[in-house]
Amino acid sequence: MLPDYLWREHRHMNFTIEDKGRYTLVTSNVDKLDTTCAPELKSELVYLNKTGVRNVVMDLAATRYCDSSGLSALLVANRLCKSVNGTLVVCGLQEPVQKLVQISQLESVLSITPTSSEAVDLIYMEEIEKDVNKDQ
């Protein structure tokens, strides 16, 4: 576990993790999200969840291939965010990864946006909605 002063932004070879305040940006630096790096992603996501992170933007723009273990990591991230009343938004899917998500029928499960700025907008909208519903 990293001390807070190191955790603000840290880079592993495969993923960059940045604390952006209301959300954490996890950027994939891998061409293939598969069995070689998906376990690392899962452990990072569990760590973020345990340290109180609710909202995660997962930027997969650099990733051209994803297998079932990669999809599993995304589903773990989604479940962890939901477990703390947060949101996971996946963005930047390249066509092969987008097709796998569609074939797996996960576009109805995962929040997906074309760009990271749209992902951030979606996180903020969800936060506002939660605040409004909390006040009712």
C-alpha atoms as a PDB file:
ATOM      1  CA  MET A   1       0.000   0.000   0.000  1.00  0.00           C
ATOM      2  CA  LEU A   2       1.249   3.434  -0.895  1.00  0.00           C
ATOM      3  CA  PRO A   3       1.264   6.352   1.520  1.00  0.00           C
ATOM      4  CA  ASP A   4      -1.142   9.154   0.537  1.00  0.00           C
ATOM      5  CA  TYR A   5       1.594  11.455  -0.712  1.00  0.00           C
ATOM      6  CA  LEU A   6       2.702   8.800  -3.212  1.00  0.00           C
ATOM      7  CA  TRP A   7      -0.756   7.646  -4.184  1.00  0.00           C
ATOM      8  CA  ARG A   8      -1.948  10.974  -5.632  1.00  0.00           C
ATOM      9  CA  GLU A   9      -0.646   9.795  -8.975  1.00  0.00           C
ATOM     10  CA  HIS A  10       1.320   6.650  -9.511  1.00  0.00           C
ATOM     11  CA  ARG A  11       2.328   4.804 -12.586  1.00  0.00           C
ATOM     12  CA  HIS A  12       2.843   1.141 -12.921  1.00  0.00           C
ATOM     13  CA  MET A  13       4.122  -0.202 -16.158  1.00  0.00           C
ATOM     14  CA  ASN A  14       0.615  -1.189 -17.190  1.00  0.00           C
ATOM     15  CA  PHE A  15      -1.693   1.442 -15.659  1.00  0.00           C
ATOM     16  CA  THR A  16      -1.552   5.084 -14.615  1.00  0.00           C
ATOM     17  CA  ILE A  17      -3.771   6.061 -11.691  1.00  0.00           C
ATOM     18  CA  GLU A  18      -4.580   9.710 -10.988  1.00  0.00           C
ATOM     19  CA  ASP A  19      -6.686  11.112  -8.159  1.00  0.00           C
ATOM     20  CA  LYS A  20      -8.821  13.851  -9.724  1.00  0.00           C
ATOM     21  CA  GLY A  21     -10.862  14.716  -6.638  1.00  0.00           C
ATOM     22  CA  ARG A  22     -14.408  13.539  -7.343  1.00  0.00           C
ATOM     23  CA  TYR A  23     -13.130  10.612  -9.403  1.00  0.00           C
ATOM     24  CA  THR A  24     -10.002   8.592 -10.072  1.00  0.00           C
ATOM     25  CA  LEU A  25      -8.703   8.216 -13.618  1.00  0.00           C
ATOM     26  CA  VAL A  26      -7.247   4.794 -14.429  1.00  0.00           C
ATOM     27  CA  THR A  27      -5.479   4.844 -17.788  1.00  0.00           C
ATOM     28  CA  SER A  28      -4.488   1.610 -19.461  1.00  0.00           C
ATOM     29  CA  ASN A  29      -0.982   1.670 -20.943  1.00  0.00           C
ATOM     30  CA  VAL A  30      -1.276  -1.825 -22.396  1.00  0.00           C
ATOM     31  CA  ASP A  31      -2.024  -2.949 -25.935  1.00  0.00           C
ATOM     32  CA  LYS A  32      -3.712  -6.116 -24.608  1.00  0.00           C
ATOM     33  CA  LEU A  33      -5.867  -6.289 -21.508  1.00  0.00           C
ATOM     34  CA  ASP A  34      -5.556 -10.028 -20.929  1.00  0.00           C
ATOM     35  CA  THR A  35      -4.472 -12.634 -18.376  1.00  0.00           C
ATOM     36  CA  THR A  36      -0.989 -11.108 -18.118  1.00  0.00           C
ATOM     37  CA  CYS A  37      -2.159  -7.742 -16.744  1.00  0.00           C
ATOM     38  CA  ALA A  38      -5.845  -8.094 -15.746  1.00  0.00           C
ATOM     39  CA  PRO A  39      -4.943  -9.416 -12.246  1.00  0.00           C
ATOM     40  CA  GLU A  40      -2.839  -6.281 -11.656  1.00  0.00           C
ATOM     41  CA  LEU A  41      -5.767  -4.097 -12.742  1.00  0.00           C
ATOM     42  CA  LYS A  42      -8.132  -5.968 -10.407  1.00  0.00           C
ATOM     43  CA  SER A  43      -5.782  -5.534  -7.439  1.00  0.00           C
ATOM     44  CA  GLU A  44      -5.421  -1.799  -8.187  1.00  0.00           C
ATOM     45  CA  LEU A  45      -9.216  -1.461  -8.297  1.00  0.00           C
ATOM     46  CA  VAL A  46      -9.641  -3.329  -5.012  1.00  0.00           C
ATOM     47  CA  TYR A  47      -7.026  -1.042  -3.439  1.00  0.00           C
ATOM     48  CA  LEU A  48      -8.817   2.074  -4.734  1.00  0.00           C
ATOM     49  CA  ASN A  49     -12.110   0.756  -3.375  1.00  0.00           C
ATOM     50  CA  LYS A  50     -10.588   0.048   0.047  1.00  0.00           C
ATOM     51  CA  THR A  51      -9.128   3.570   0.208  1.00  0.00           C
ATOM     52  CA  GLY A  52     -12.540   5.164  -0.315  1.00  0.00           C
ATOM     53  CA  VAL A  53     -12.578   5.814  -4.063  1.00  0.00           C
ATOM     54  CA  ARG A  54     -16.191   5.794  -5.304  1.00  0.00           C
ATOM     55  CA  ASN A  55     -15.991   6.994  -8.908  1.00  0.00           C
ATOM     56  CA  VAL A  56     -13.584   5.601 -11.491  1.00  0.00           C
ATOM     57  CA  VAL A  57     -13.020   6.588 -15.115  1.00  0.00           C
ATOM     58  CA  MET A  58     -11.281   3.746 -16.950  1.00  0.00           C
ATOM     59  CA  ASP A  59      -9.575   5.012 -20.111  1.00  0.00           C
ATOM     60  CA  LEU A  60      -8.852   2.137 -22.501  1.00  0.00           C
ATOM     61  CA  ALA A  61      -7.830   4.236 -25.530  1.00  0.00           C
ATOM     62  CA  ALA A  62      -4.401   2.549 -25.708  1.00  0.00           C
ATOM     63  CA  THR A  63      -5.866  -0.956 -25.521  1.00  0.00           C
ATOM     64  CA  ARG A  64      -6.541  -2.733 -28.829  1.00  0.00           C
ATOM     65  CA  TYR A  65      -7.366  -6.183 -27.461  1.00  0.00           C
ATOM     66  CA  CYS A  66      -9.267  -7.484 -24.457  1.00  0.00           C
ATOM     67  CA  ASP A  67     -10.085 -11.045 -23.424  1.00  0.00           C
ATOM     68  CA  SER A  68     -12.457 -12.503 -20.838  1.00  0.00           C
ATOM     69  CA  SER A  69     -10.051 -11.753 -17.970  1.00  0.00           C
ATOM     70  CA  GLY A  70      -9.950  -8.108 -19.074  1.00  0.00           C
ATOM     71  CA  LEU A  71     -13.748  -7.981 -19.182  1.00  0.00           C
ATOM     72  CA  SER A  72     -13.807  -9.605 -15.760  1.00  0.00           C
ATOM     73  CA  ALA A  73     -11.576  -6.806 -14.410  1.00  0.00           C
ATOM     74  CA  LEU A  74     -14.033  -4.218 -15.770  1.00  0.00           C
ATOM     75  CA  LEU A  75     -16.957  -6.041 -14.157  1.00  0.00           C
ATOM     76  CA  VAL A  76     -15.077  -6.164 -10.837  1.00  0.00           C
ATOM     77  CA  ALA A  77     -14.473  -2.414 -11.103  1.00  0.00           C
ATOM     78  CA  ASN A  78     -18.159  -1.838 -11.825  1.00  0.00           C
ATOM     79  CA  ARG A  79     -19.245  -3.955  -8.844  1.00  0.00           C
ATOM     80  CA  LEU A  80     -16.736  -2.281  -6.491  1.00  0.00           C
ATOM     81  CA  CYS A  81     -17.871   1.205  -7.498  1.00  0.00           C
ATOM     82  CA  LYS A  82     -21.542   0.279  -7.100  1.00  0.00           C
ATOM     83  CA  SER A  83     -20.839  -1.268  -3.677  1.00  0.00           C
ATOM     84  CA  VAL A  84     -19.876   2.193  -2.368  1.00  0.00           C
ATOM     85  CA  ASN A  85     -22.642   4.036  -4.266  1.00  0.00           C
ATOM     86  CA  GLY A  86     -20.192   5.184  -6.922  1.00  0.00           C
ATOM     87  CA  THR A  87     -19.886   4.959 -10.686  1.00  0.00           C
ATOM     88  CA  LEU A  88     -17.498   3.318 -13.138  1.00  0.00           C
ATOM     89  CA  VAL A  89     -17.330   4.823 -16.614  1.00  0.00           C
ATOM     90  CA  VAL A  90     -15.272   3.099 -19.305  1.00  0.00           C
ATOM     91  CA  CYS A  91     -14.098   5.298 -22.182  1.00  0.00           C
ATOM     92  CA  GLY A  92     -11.958   5.280 -25.300  1.00  0.00           C
ATOM     93  CA  LEU A  93     -12.834   1.783 -26.496  1.00  0.00           C
ATOM     94  CA  GLN A  94     -11.153   0.835 -29.741  1.00  0.00           C
ATOM     95  CA  GLU A  95     -13.324  -1.091 -32.205  1.00  0.00           C
ATOM     96  CA  PRO A  96     -12.129  -4.646 -31.357  1.00  0.00           C
ATOM     97  CA  VAL A  97     -12.713  -4.035 -27.630  1.00  0.00           C
ATOM     98  CA  GLN A  98     -16.065  -2.362 -28.318  1.00  0.00           C
ATOM     99  CA  LYS A  99     -17.121  -5.409 -30.355  1.00  0.00           C
ATOM    100  CA  LEU A 100     -16.167  -7.793 -27.545  1.00  0.00           C
ATOM    101  CA  VAL A 101     -18.204  -5.707 -25.072  1.00  0.00           C
ATOM    102  CA  GLN A 102     -21.187  -5.853 -27.441  1.00  0.00           C
ATOM    103  CA  ILE A 103     -20.851  -9.603 -28.093  1.00  0.00           C
ATOM    104  CA  SER A 104     -20.668 -10.147 -24.323  1.00  0.00           C
ATOM    105  CA  GLN A 105     -23.798  -7.984 -23.947  1.00  0.00           C
ATOM    106  CA  LEU A 106     -22.051  -5.759 -21.419  1.00  0.00           C
ATOM    107  CA  GLU A 107     -23.012  -2.396 -22.919  1.00  0.00           C
ATOM    108  CA  SER A 108     -26.198  -2.586 -20.838  1.00  0.00           C
ATOM    109  CA  VAL A 109     -24.146  -3.313 -17.685  1.00  0.00           C
ATOM    110  CA  LEU A 110     -21.222  -0.904 -18.102  1.00  0.00           C
ATOM    111  CA  SER A 111     -21.392   2.872 -18.555  1.00  0.00           C
ATOM    112  CA  ILE A 112     -19.389   3.574 -21.722  1.00  0.00           C
ATOM    113  CA  THR A 113     -18.508   6.905 -23.328  1.00  0.00           C
ATOM    114  CA  PRO A 114     -16.368   7.690 -26.381  1.00  0.00           C
ATOM    115  CA  THR A 115     -14.040  10.140 -24.565  1.00  0.00           C
ATOM    116  CA  SER A 116     -12.694  10.761 -21.081  1.00  0.00           C
ATOM    117  CA  SER A 117     -14.270  14.236 -20.961  1.00  0.00           C
ATOM    118  CA  GLU A 118     -17.697  12.684 -21.597  1.00  0.00           C
ATOM    119  CA  ALA A 119     -16.920  10.094 -18.906  1.00  0.00           C
ATOM    120  CA  VAL A 120     -16.176  12.889 -16.428  1.00  0.00           C
ATOM    121  CA  ASP A 121     -19.412  14.671 -17.403  1.00  0.00           C
ATOM    122  CA  LEU A 122     -21.334  11.453 -16.753  1.00  0.00           C
ATOM    123  CA  ILE A 123     -19.699  11.032 -13.314  1.00  0.00           C
ATOM    124  CA  TYR A 124     -20.656  14.616 -12.379  1.00  0.00           C
ATOM    125  CA  MET A 125     -24.230  14.123 -13.613  1.00  0.00           C
ATOM    126  CA  GLU A 126     -24.539  10.926 -11.548  1.00  0.00           C
ATOM    127  CA  GLU A 127     -23.192  12.746  -8.477  1.00  0.00           C
ATOM    128  CA  ILE A 128     -25.723  15.583  -8.906  1.00  0.00           C
ATOM    129  CA  GLU A 129     -28.517  13.046  -9.343  1.00  0.00           C
ATOM    130  CA  LYS A 130     -27.498  11.250  -6.139  1.00  0.00           C
ATOM    131  CA  ASP A 131     -27.401  14.578  -4.257  1.00  0.00           C
ATOM    132  CA  VAL A 132     -30.881  15.497  -5.513  1.00  0.00           C
ATOM    133  CA  ASN A 133     -32.330  12.079  -4.651  1.00  0.00           C
ATOM    134  CA  LYS A 134     -30.720  12.224  -1.201  1.00  0.00           C
ATOM    135  CA  ASP A 135     -32.527  15.520  -0.483  1.00  0.00           C
ATOM    136  CA  GLN A 136     -35.959  14.160  -1.406  1.00  0.00           C
END
